[in-house]
Amino acid sequence: MNKRVLPGVAAALAAVGLAAGLWVGRAGAYAHTAPDYRQVDLAGVVARAEAGRVDYPLLFAQTGLGRAAVDALLARGQGQALFDYQAQYFAPCRWRTVTGVAMVRLEVTDGGFLFAPLEKGDILLTPSSRCGGWRNGHAGLVLDPEAGLVLEAYSLGAKSRVGRLEEWRNKPALAVVRPAGLDAGQRAAMADWAAQNLEGLPYSLFAGLPVADETARVKATQCAHLVWCACAVFGQDVDGGAGWPVTPRDLALSPLLETVQVWGLPQGARWPS
């Protein structure tokens, strides 16, 4: 090799290394996004909500709870719990990075997250796993909120399984969403179908190819594909991205999913920008 070429190659490699380092380092900055506005006194807001005059936008900004979650609490006579959700939403978040499978890094807290009232068929999304600087994230489908059961395809080398909701309580950022086009009975039926047809499948990054008749006989899956497939069987194409592969971020961007709860994410968003 021409000796005069070597400095150019070295400089290019150094630039690539620097860019890669910045890319990886930048990912950590999005582990948790705290509200960039002040916490307000909700006493009057909660009292009015309990009386039937609900300020949904303000409650969402102060608690991270969407309309469905607020209505569920009020219907149960648990309006005072809105103060607990507000405290959680504004509390400092201490997280750390742990090693996952292969090159995956997971961001975790000490747990104890307070979920909004969940229903069968709700979808859990978190950006709190990454490979290098790419936030691949994770997704799961709630099968039984009372028993705390979640169907998920966790990682390469493992089959899709029924996990515990408790394992989701240590995420420093997450969103709970649900198919807006399905009623509670249909979402429950969707969860039951998923439990019967999507458990015990091999993990594959290539799940969804070919797309034709994918929901007729699913042979392999990955976390976002599992959720997409369950919804697709019930007529909801919740892939909000540009095509294969469907990712947790694509699900977060879907206009067919309504927000139940968000935490640790930019205001109004279901995924880091």
C-alpha atoms as a PDB file:
ATOM      1  CA  MET A   1       0.000   0.000   0.000  1.00  0.00           C
ATOM      2  CA  ASN A   2       1.226   3.506  -0.812  1.00  0.00           C
ATOM      3  CA  LYS A   3       2.645   5.011   2.373  1.00  0.00           C
ATOM      4  CA  ARG A   4       0.850   8.261   1.675  1.00  0.00           C
ATOM      5  CA  VAL A   5      -2.457   6.367   1.734  1.00  0.00           C
ATOM      6  CA  LEU A   6      -1.903   5.000   5.236  1.00  0.00           C
ATOM      7  CA  PRO A   7      -2.535   8.280   7.101  1.00  0.00           C
ATOM      8  CA  GLY A   8      -5.780   8.713   5.179  1.00  0.00           C
ATOM      9  CA  VAL A   9      -6.923   5.188   6.058  1.00  0.00           C
ATOM     10  CA  ALA A  10      -5.982   5.697   9.696  1.00  0.00           C
ATOM     11  CA  ALA A  11      -7.873   8.981   9.810  1.00  0.00           C
ATOM     12  CA  ALA A  12     -10.946   7.353   8.246  1.00  0.00           C
ATOM     13  CA  LEU A  13     -10.845   4.485  10.741  1.00  0.00           C
ATOM     14  CA  ALA A  14     -10.441   6.942  13.609  1.00  0.00           C
ATOM     15  CA  ALA A  15     -13.437   8.923  12.360  1.00  0.00           C
ATOM     16  CA  VAL A  16     -15.518   5.754  12.108  1.00  0.00           C
ATOM     17  CA  GLY A  17     -14.474   4.747  15.623  1.00  0.00           C
ATOM     18  CA  LEU A  18     -15.315   8.172  16.987  1.00  0.00           C
ATOM     19  CA  ALA A  19     -18.697   8.153  15.275  1.00  0.00           C
ATOM     20  CA  ALA A  20     -19.433   4.671  16.616  1.00  0.00           C
ATOM     21  CA  GLY A  21     -18.453   5.758  20.117  1.00  0.00           C
ATOM     22  CA  LEU A  22     -20.687   8.802  19.963  1.00  0.00           C
ATOM     23  CA  TRP A  23     -23.529   6.647  18.581  1.00  0.00           C
ATOM     24  CA  VAL A  24     -23.246   4.151  21.412  1.00  0.00           C
ATOM     25  CA  GLY A  25     -22.796   6.844  24.047  1.00  0.00           C
ATOM     26  CA  ARG A  26     -25.750   8.860  22.770  1.00  0.00           C
ATOM     27  CA  ALA A  27     -28.087   5.898  23.299  1.00  0.00           C
ATOM     28  CA  GLY A  28     -27.689   6.081  27.053  1.00  0.00           C
ATOM     29  CA  ALA A  29     -28.964   9.637  27.108  1.00  0.00           C
ATOM     30  CA  TYR A  30     -32.438   8.413  26.195  1.00  0.00           C
ATOM     31  CA  ALA A  31     -32.802   5.817  28.941  1.00  0.00           C
ATOM     32  CA  HIS A  32     -35.253   8.013  30.829  1.00  0.00           C
ATOM     33  CA  THR A  33     -36.737  11.413  29.980  1.00  0.00           C
ATOM     34  CA  ALA A  34     -38.078  13.347  32.948  1.00  0.00           C
ATOM     35  CA  PRO A  35     -40.782  16.011  32.499  1.00  0.00           C
ATOM     36  CA  ASP A  36     -39.239  19.364  31.578  1.00  0.00           C
ATOM     37  CA  TYR A  37     -42.044  21.323  33.225  1.00  0.00           C
ATOM     38  CA  ARG A  38     -43.217  21.782  36.793  1.00  0.00           C
ATOM     39  CA  GLN A  39     -45.424  19.556  38.885  1.00  0.00           C
ATOM     40  CA  VAL A  40     -48.696  21.253  39.802  1.00  0.00           C
ATOM     41  CA  ASP A  41     -51.157  20.811  42.639  1.00  0.00           C
ATOM     42  CA  LEU A  42     -53.817  18.385  41.413  1.00  0.00           C
ATOM     43  CA  ALA A  43     -56.181  18.667  44.383  1.00  0.00           C
ATOM     44  CA  GLY A  44     -58.795  20.708  42.564  1.00  0.00           C
ATOM     45  CA  VAL A  45     -58.315  18.834  39.295  1.00  0.00           C
ATOM     46  CA  VAL A  46     -58.852  15.459  40.966  1.00  0.00           C
ATOM     47  CA  ALA A  47     -61.901  16.702  42.880  1.00  0.00           C
ATOM     48  CA  ARG A  48     -63.455  17.958  39.654  1.00  0.00           C
ATOM     49  CA  ALA A  49     -62.604  14.700  37.907  1.00  0.00           C
ATOM     50  CA  GLU A  50     -64.335  12.702  40.640  1.00  0.00           C
ATOM     51  CA  ALA A  51     -67.356  14.932  40.086  1.00  0.00           C
ATOM     52  CA  GLY A  52     -67.358  14.131  36.367  1.00  0.00           C
ATOM     53  CA  ARG A  53     -65.464  17.125  34.976  1.00  0.00           C
ATOM     54  CA  VAL A  54     -62.229  15.534  33.788  1.00  0.00           C
ATOM     55  CA  ASP A  55     -59.320  17.544  32.396  1.00  0.00           C
ATOM     56  CA  TYR A  56     -57.686  14.721  30.430  1.00  0.00           C
ATOM     57  CA  PRO A  57     -54.845  16.739  28.835  1.00  0.00           C
ATOM     58  CA  LEU A  58     -53.686  18.128  32.179  1.00  0.00           C
ATOM     59  CA  LEU A  59     -53.907  14.747  33.904  1.00  0.00           C
ATOM     60  CA  PHE A  60     -51.940  13.146  31.068  1.00  0.00           C
ATOM     61  CA  ALA A  61     -49.222  15.795  31.351  1.00  0.00           C
ATOM     62  CA  GLN A  62     -49.032  15.347  35.131  1.00  0.00           C
ATOM     63  CA  THR A  63     -49.425  11.568  35.478  1.00  0.00           C
ATOM     64  CA  GLY A  64     -48.649   9.955  32.111  1.00  0.00           C
ATOM     65  CA  LEU A  65     -52.119   8.371  32.141  1.00  0.00           C
ATOM     66  CA  GLY A  66     -54.280   8.420  29.036  1.00  0.00           C
ATOM     67  CA  ARG A  67     -58.040   8.833  28.968  1.00  0.00           C
ATOM     68  CA  ALA A  68     -58.746   5.105  29.305  1.00  0.00           C
ATOM     69  CA  ALA A  69     -56.572   4.790  32.419  1.00  0.00           C
ATOM     70  CA  VAL A  70     -58.064   7.862  34.075  1.00  0.00           C
ATOM     71  CA  ASP A  71     -61.597   6.653  33.354  1.00  0.00           C
ATOM     72  CA  ALA A  72     -60.781   3.212  34.778  1.00  0.00           C
ATOM     73  CA  LEU A  73     -59.513   4.700  38.035  1.00  0.00           C
ATOM     74  CA  LEU A  74     -62.523   6.984  38.376  1.00  0.00           C
ATOM     75  CA  ALA A  75     -64.934   4.124  37.617  1.00  0.00           C
ATOM     76  CA  ARG A  76     -63.336   2.125  40.434  1.00  0.00           C
ATOM     77  CA  GLY A  77     -63.608   5.018  42.866  1.00  0.00           C
ATOM     78  CA  GLN A  78     -59.791   5.350  42.875  1.00  0.00           C
ATOM     79  CA  GLY A  79     -59.457   8.955  41.793  1.00  0.00           C
ATOM     80  CA  GLN A  80     -57.124   9.662  44.712  1.00  0.00           C
ATOM     81  CA  ALA A  81     -54.620   7.266  43.143  1.00  0.00           C
ATOM     82  CA  LEU A  82     -53.942   9.976  40.550  1.00  0.00           C
ATOM     83  CA  PHE A  83     -51.709  11.627  43.173  1.00  0.00           C
ATOM     84  CA  ASP A  84     -49.593   8.457  43.346  1.00  0.00           C
ATOM     85  CA  TYR A  85     -49.213   8.360  39.572  1.00  0.00           C
ATOM     86  CA  GLN A  86     -48.224  12.019  39.552  1.00  0.00           C
ATOM     87  CA  ALA A  87     -45.592  11.410  42.223  1.00  0.00           C
ATOM     88  CA  GLN A  88     -44.183   8.503  40.214  1.00  0.00           C
ATOM     89  CA  TYR A  89     -44.186  10.515  36.981  1.00  0.00           C
ATOM     90  CA  PHE A  90     -42.085  13.326  38.470  1.00  0.00           C
ATOM     91  CA  ALA A  91     -39.880  11.262  40.791  1.00  0.00           C
ATOM     92  CA  PRO A  92     -36.158  11.035  39.971  1.00  0.00           C
ATOM     93  CA  CYS A  93     -35.312   7.823  38.128  1.00  0.00           C
ATOM     94  CA  ARG A  94     -32.131   5.967  39.012  1.00  0.00           C
ATOM     95  CA  TRP A  95     -31.198   3.405  36.389  1.00  0.00           C
ATOM     96  CA  ARG A  96     -28.214   1.293  35.484  1.00  0.00           C
ATOM     97  CA  THR A  97     -27.073  -0.723  32.490  1.00  0.00           C
ATOM     98  CA  VAL A  98     -26.759  -4.512  32.659  1.00  0.00           C
ATOM     99  CA  THR A  99     -25.609  -7.050  30.094  1.00  0.00           C
ATOM    100  CA  GLY A 100     -28.226  -8.949  28.100  1.00  0.00           C
ATOM    101  CA  VAL A 101     -27.888 -11.623  25.423  1.00  0.00           C
ATOM    102  CA  ALA A 102     -24.948 -11.181  23.023  1.00  0.00           C
ATOM    103  CA  MET A 103     -24.366  -7.428  22.437  1.00  0.00           C
ATOM    104  CA  VAL A 104     -27.648  -6.329  24.012  1.00  0.00           C
ATOM    105  CA  ARG A 105     -27.545  -3.937  26.936  1.00  0.00           C
ATOM    106  CA  LEU A 106     -30.544  -3.488  29.219  1.00  0.00           C
ATOM    107  CA  GLU A 107     -31.387  -0.424  31.264  1.00  0.00           C
ATOM    108  CA  VAL A 108     -33.053  -1.261  34.563  1.00  0.00           C
ATOM    109  CA  THR A 109     -34.217   0.322  37.794  1.00  0.00           C
ATOM    110  CA  ASP A 110     -34.861  -1.279  41.158  1.00  0.00           C
ATOM    111  CA  GLY A 111     -38.448  -2.023  40.108  1.00  0.00           C
ATOM    112  CA  GLY A 112     -41.749  -1.253  41.753  1.00  0.00           C
ATOM    113  CA  PHE A 113     -43.329   0.648  38.857  1.00  0.00           C
ATOM    114  CA  LEU A 114     -47.034   1.371  39.350  1.00  0.00           C
ATOM    115  CA  PHE A 115     -48.982   0.338  36.254  1.00  0.00           C
ATOM    116  CA  ALA A 116     -52.316   1.848  35.286  1.00  0.00           C
ATOM    117  CA  PRO A 117     -55.267  -0.588  35.412  1.00  0.00           C
ATOM    118  CA  LEU A 118     -54.434  -3.111  32.686  1.00  0.00           C
ATOM    119  CA  GLU A 119     -56.764  -5.167  30.495  1.00  0.00           C
ATOM    120  CA  LYS A 120     -56.330  -8.364  28.499  1.00  0.00           C
ATOM    121  CA  GLY A 121     -54.833  -7.543  25.136  1.00  0.00           C
ATOM    122  CA  ASP A 122     -52.940  -4.463  26.291  1.00  0.00           C
ATOM    123  CA  ILE A 123     -49.510  -4.011  24.721  1.00  0.00           C
ATOM    124  CA  LEU A 124     -46.346  -3.187  26.666  1.00  0.00           C
ATOM    125  CA  LEU A 125     -43.526  -1.335  24.917  1.00  0.00           C
ATOM    126  CA  THR A 126     -40.128  -0.307  26.231  1.00  0.00           C
ATOM    127  CA  PRO A 127     -37.084   1.235  24.546  1.00  0.00           C
ATOM    128  CA  SER A 128     -34.929   0.108  27.482  1.00  0.00           C
ATOM    129  CA  SER A 129     -32.782  -2.364  25.562  1.00  0.00           C
ATOM    130  CA  ARG A 130     -30.231  -1.534  22.922  1.00  0.00           C
ATOM    131  CA  CYS A 131     -27.583  -3.034  20.711  1.00  0.00           C
ATOM    132  CA  GLY A 132     -24.820  -0.515  20.264  1.00  0.00           C
ATOM    133  CA  GLY A 133     -26.559   2.778  19.624  1.00  0.00           C
ATOM    134  CA  TRP A 134     -29.714   1.203  18.238  1.00  0.00           C
ATOM    135  CA  ARG A 135     -32.650   0.993  20.631  1.00  0.00           C
ATOM    136  CA  ASN A 136     -34.231  -2.255  19.545  1.00  0.00           C
ATOM    137  CA  GLY A 137     -36.529  -2.190  22.586  1.00  0.00           C
ATOM    138  CA  HIS A 138     -38.993  -4.876  23.580  1.00  0.00           C
ATOM    139  CA  ALA A 139     -42.737  -5.569  23.352  1.00  0.00           C
ATOM    140  CA  GLY A 140     -45.174  -7.861  25.132  1.00  0.00           C
ATOM    141  CA  LEU A 141     -48.883  -8.714  25.125  1.00  0.00           C
ATOM    142  CA  VAL A 142     -50.858  -8.805  28.385  1.00  0.00           C
ATOM    143  CA  LEU A 143     -52.675 -12.134  28.705  1.00  0.00           C
ATOM    144  CA  ASP A 144     -54.015 -11.852  32.255  1.00  0.00           C
ATOM    145  CA  PRO A 145     -53.601  -8.596  34.192  1.00  0.00           C
ATOM    146  CA  GLU A 146     -54.836 -10.085  37.472  1.00  0.00           C
ATOM    147  CA  ALA A 147     -52.344 -12.947  37.338  1.00  0.00           C
ATOM    148  CA  GLY A 148     -49.678 -10.669  35.858  1.00  0.00           C
ATOM    149  CA  LEU A 149     -49.073 -12.782  32.729  1.00  0.00           C
ATOM    150  CA  VAL A 150     -47.430 -11.359  29.604  1.00  0.00           C
ATOM    151  CA  LEU A 151     -46.732 -13.190  26.329  1.00  0.00           C
ATOM    152  CA  GLU A 152     -43.394 -12.231  24.807  1.00  0.00           C
ATOM    153  CA  ALA A 153     -40.650 -13.384  22.464  1.00  0.00           C
ATOM    154  CA  TYR A 154     -37.653 -12.439  24.521  1.00  0.00           C
ATOM    155  CA  SER A 155     -34.402 -13.155  22.688  1.00  0.00           C
ATOM    156  CA  LEU A 156     -32.443 -15.204  20.184  1.00  0.00           C
ATOM    157  CA  GLY A 157     -32.201 -18.839  21.182  1.00  0.00           C
ATOM    158  CA  ALA A 158     -35.354 -18.737  23.305  1.00  0.00           C
ATOM    159  CA  LYS A 159     -38.914 -19.613  22.374  1.00  0.00           C
ATOM    160  CA  SER A 160     -41.795 -17.215  22.926  1.00  0.00           C
ATOM    161  CA  ARG A 161     -43.109 -17.658  26.444  1.00  0.00           C
ATOM    162  CA  VAL A 162     -45.506 -16.432  29.086  1.00  0.00           C
ATOM    163  CA  GLY A 163     -43.570 -14.114  31.375  1.00  0.00           C
ATOM    164  CA  ARG A 164     -44.418 -12.070  34.428  1.00  0.00           C
ATOM    165  CA  LEU A 165     -45.638  -8.499  34.528  1.00  0.00           C
ATOM    166  CA  GLU A 166     -43.288  -8.096  37.470  1.00  0.00           C
ATOM    167  CA  GLU A 167     -40.370  -8.292  35.033  1.00  0.00           C
ATOM    168  CA  TRP A 168     -41.620  -5.093  33.382  1.00  0.00           C
ATOM    169  CA  ARG A 169     -41.665  -3.043  36.569  1.00  0.00           C
ATOM    170  CA  ASN A 170     -37.934  -2.285  36.355  1.00  0.00           C
ATOM    171  CA  LYS A 171     -37.952  -0.418  33.023  1.00  0.00           C
ATOM    172  CA  PRO A 172     -36.840   3.235  33.143  1.00  0.00           C
ATOM    173  CA  ALA A 173     -39.079   4.032  30.165  1.00  0.00           C
ATOM    174  CA  LEU A 174     -42.218   2.326  28.890  1.00  0.00           C
ATOM    175  CA  ALA A 175     -45.584   2.764  27.244  1.00  0.00           C
ATOM    176  CA  VAL A 176     -48.839   0.844  27.615  1.00  0.00           C
ATOM    177  CA  VAL A 177     -51.055   0.968  24.531  1.00  0.00           C
ATOM    178  CA  ARG A 178     -54.128  -0.869  23.252  1.00  0.00           C
ATOM    179  CA  PRO A 179     -55.854  -1.356  19.876  1.00  0.00           C
ATOM    180  CA  ALA A 180     -58.361   1.473  19.624  1.00  0.00           C
ATOM    181  CA  GLY A 181     -60.389  -0.374  16.985  1.00  0.00           C
ATOM    182  CA  LEU A 182     -61.213  -3.336  19.248  1.00  0.00           C
ATOM    183  CA  ASP A 183     -63.536  -3.360  22.231  1.00  0.00           C
ATOM    184  CA  ALA A 184     -62.633  -5.057  25.521  1.00  0.00           C
ATOM    185  CA  GLY A 185     -64.205  -8.369  24.472  1.00  0.00           C
ATOM    186  CA  GLN A 186     -62.305  -8.424  21.181  1.00  0.00           C
ATOM    187  CA  ARG A 187     -59.026  -7.559  22.891  1.00  0.00           C
ATOM    188  CA  ALA A 188     -59.605 -10.386  25.360  1.00  0.00           C
ATOM    189  CA  ALA A 189     -60.284 -12.774  22.474  1.00  0.00           C
ATOM    190  CA  MET A 190     -57.095 -11.545  20.798  1.00  0.00           C
ATOM    191  CA  ALA A 191     -55.088 -12.304  23.935  1.00  0.00           C
ATOM    192  CA  ASP A 192     -56.632 -15.786  24.145  1.00  0.00           C
ATOM    193  CA  TRP A 193     -55.816 -16.469  20.482  1.00  0.00           C
ATOM    194  CA  ALA A 194     -52.247 -15.353  21.015  1.00  0.00           C
ATOM    195  CA  ALA A 195     -51.866 -17.609  24.055  1.00  0.00           C
ATOM    196  CA  GLN A 196     -53.041 -20.591  22.001  1.00  0.00           C
ATOM    197  CA  ASN A 197     -51.099 -19.860  18.811  1.00  0.00           C
ATOM    198  CA  LEU A 198     -48.029 -17.750  19.561  1.00  0.00           C
ATOM    199  CA  GLU A 199     -46.464 -19.392  22.606  1.00  0.00           C
ATOM    200  CA  GLY A 200     -43.488 -21.736  22.182  1.00  0.00           C
ATOM    201  CA  LEU A 201     -42.359 -20.381  18.805  1.00  0.00           C
ATOM    202  CA  PRO A 202     -38.677 -20.069  17.896  1.00  0.00           C
ATOM    203  CA  TYR A 203     -37.250 -16.544  17.931  1.00  0.00           C
ATOM    204  CA  SER A 204     -36.374 -15.265  14.472  1.00  0.00           C
ATOM    205  CA  LEU A 205     -35.287 -11.838  13.288  1.00  0.00           C
ATOM    206  CA  PHE A 206     -36.744 -12.800   9.913  1.00  0.00           C
ATOM    207  CA  ALA A 207     -40.271 -13.396  11.212  1.00  0.00           C
ATOM    208  CA  GLY A 208     -42.822 -11.911   8.859  1.00  0.00           C
ATOM    209  CA  LEU A 209     -41.177 -12.932   5.588  1.00  0.00           C
ATOM    210  CA  PRO A 210     -42.979 -13.691   3.408  1.00  0.00           C
ATOM    211  CA  VAL A 211     -45.769 -11.423   4.605  1.00  0.00           C
ATOM    212  CA  ALA A 212     -48.519 -13.301   2.728  1.00  0.00           C
ATOM    213  CA  ASP A 213     -50.659 -15.493   4.999  1.00  0.00           C
ATOM    214  CA  GLU A 214     -48.278 -14.811   7.881  1.00  0.00           C
ATOM    215  CA  THR A 215     -51.077 -14.985  10.437  1.00  0.00           C
ATOM    216  CA  ALA A 216     -52.462 -18.275   9.117  1.00  0.00           C
ATOM    217  CA  ARG A 217     -49.643 -20.423  10.405  1.00  0.00           C
ATOM    218  CA  VAL A 218     -46.937 -18.668  12.370  1.00  0.00           C
ATOM    219  CA  LYS A 219     -43.721 -20.686  12.548  1.00  0.00           C
ATOM    220  CA  ALA A 220     -41.379 -18.194  14.221  1.00  0.00           C
ATOM    221  CA  THR A 221     -41.618 -14.765  15.776  1.00  0.00           C
ATOM    222  CA  GLN A 222     -39.888 -11.905  17.553  1.00  0.00           C
ATOM    223  CA  CYS A 223     -41.303  -9.555  20.179  1.00  0.00           C
ATOM    224  CA  ALA A 224     -42.886  -6.890  17.972  1.00  0.00           C
ATOM    225  CA  HIS A 225     -43.927  -9.409  15.326  1.00  0.00           C
ATOM    226  CA  LEU A 226     -45.764 -11.436  17.986  1.00  0.00           C
ATOM    227  CA  VAL A 227     -47.830  -8.381  18.983  1.00  0.00           C
ATOM    228  CA  TRP A 228     -48.398  -7.348  15.373  1.00  0.00           C
ATOM    229  CA  CYS A 229     -49.525 -10.860  14.431  1.00  0.00           C
ATOM    230  CA  ALA A 230     -52.066 -11.066  17.261  1.00  0.00           C
ATOM    231  CA  CYS A 231     -53.547  -7.709  16.251  1.00  0.00           C
ATOM    232  CA  ALA A 232     -53.506  -8.542  12.527  1.00  0.00           C
ATOM    233  CA  VAL A 233     -55.630 -11.648  13.076  1.00  0.00           C
ATOM    234  CA  PHE A 234     -58.285  -9.302  14.466  1.00  0.00           C
ATOM    235  CA  GLY A 235     -58.035  -6.884  11.562  1.00  0.00           C
ATOM    236  CA  GLN A 236     -55.621  -4.362  13.070  1.00  0.00           C
ATOM    237  CA  ASP A 237     -52.364  -3.712  11.182  1.00  0.00           C
ATOM    238  CA  VAL A 238     -50.500  -1.913  13.965  1.00  0.00           C
ATOM    239  CA  ASP A 239     -47.177  -1.632  12.129  1.00  0.00           C
ATOM    240  CA  GLY A 240     -46.619   2.107  12.134  1.00  0.00           C
ATOM    241  CA  GLY A 241     -43.308   1.792  10.287  1.00  0.00           C
ATOM    242  CA  ALA A 242     -42.284   1.524   6.668  1.00  0.00           C
ATOM    243  CA  GLY A 243     -42.388  -2.254   6.352  1.00  0.00           C
ATOM    244  CA  TRP A 244     -40.467  -5.347   7.414  1.00  0.00           C
ATOM    245  CA  PRO A 245     -39.285  -5.921  10.028  1.00  0.00           C
ATOM    246  CA  VAL A 246     -41.868  -4.627  12.462  1.00  0.00           C
ATOM    247  CA  THR A 247     -40.150  -3.270  15.576  1.00  0.00           C
ATOM    248  CA  PRO A 248     -41.316  -2.034  18.991  1.00  0.00           C
ATOM    249  CA  ARG A 249     -40.743   1.503  17.704  1.00  0.00           C
ATOM    250  CA  ASP A 250     -43.059   0.785  14.755  1.00  0.00           C
ATOM    251  CA  LEU A 251     -45.759  -0.304  17.195  1.00  0.00           C
ATOM    252  CA  ALA A 252     -45.249   2.857  19.246  1.00  0.00           C
ATOM    253  CA  LEU A 253     -45.800   4.949  16.113  1.00  0.00           C
ATOM    254  CA  SER A 254     -49.020   3.179  15.093  1.00  0.00           C
ATOM    255  CA  PRO A 255     -52.080   5.480  14.941  1.00  0.00           C
ATOM    256  CA  LEU A 256     -54.265   2.413  15.575  1.00  0.00           C
ATOM    257  CA  LEU A 257     -53.014   2.128  19.155  1.00  0.00           C
ATOM    258  CA  GLU A 258     -54.235   4.425  21.911  1.00  0.00           C
ATOM    259  CA  THR A 259     -52.077   5.452  24.845  1.00  0.00           C
ATOM    260  CA  VAL A 260     -52.985   4.012  28.234  1.00  0.00           C
ATOM    261  CA  GLN A 261     -49.841   5.081  30.093  1.00  0.00           C
ATOM    262  CA  VAL A 262     -46.369   6.455  29.427  1.00  0.00           C
ATOM    263  CA  TRP A 263     -43.385   7.001  31.691  1.00  0.00           C
ATOM    264  CA  GLY A 264     -39.813   8.117  31.146  1.00  0.00           C
ATOM    265  CA  LEU A 265     -40.560   9.264  27.595  1.00  0.00           C
ATOM    266  CA  PRO A 266     -40.702  12.703  25.946  1.00  0.00           C
ATOM    267  CA  GLN A 267     -43.981  14.512  26.576  1.00  0.00           C
ATOM    268  CA  GLY A 268     -46.727  13.143  24.352  1.00  0.00           C
ATOM    269  CA  ALA A 269     -44.454  10.482  22.822  1.00  0.00           C
ATOM    270  CA  ARG A 270     -44.407   6.701  23.097  1.00  0.00           C
ATOM    271  CA  TRP A 271     -40.770   6.319  22.002  1.00  0.00           C
ATOM    272  CA  PRO A 272     -37.604   8.399  22.357  1.00  0.00           C
ATOM    273  CA  SER A 273     -37.031  10.817  19.501  1.00  0.00           C
END
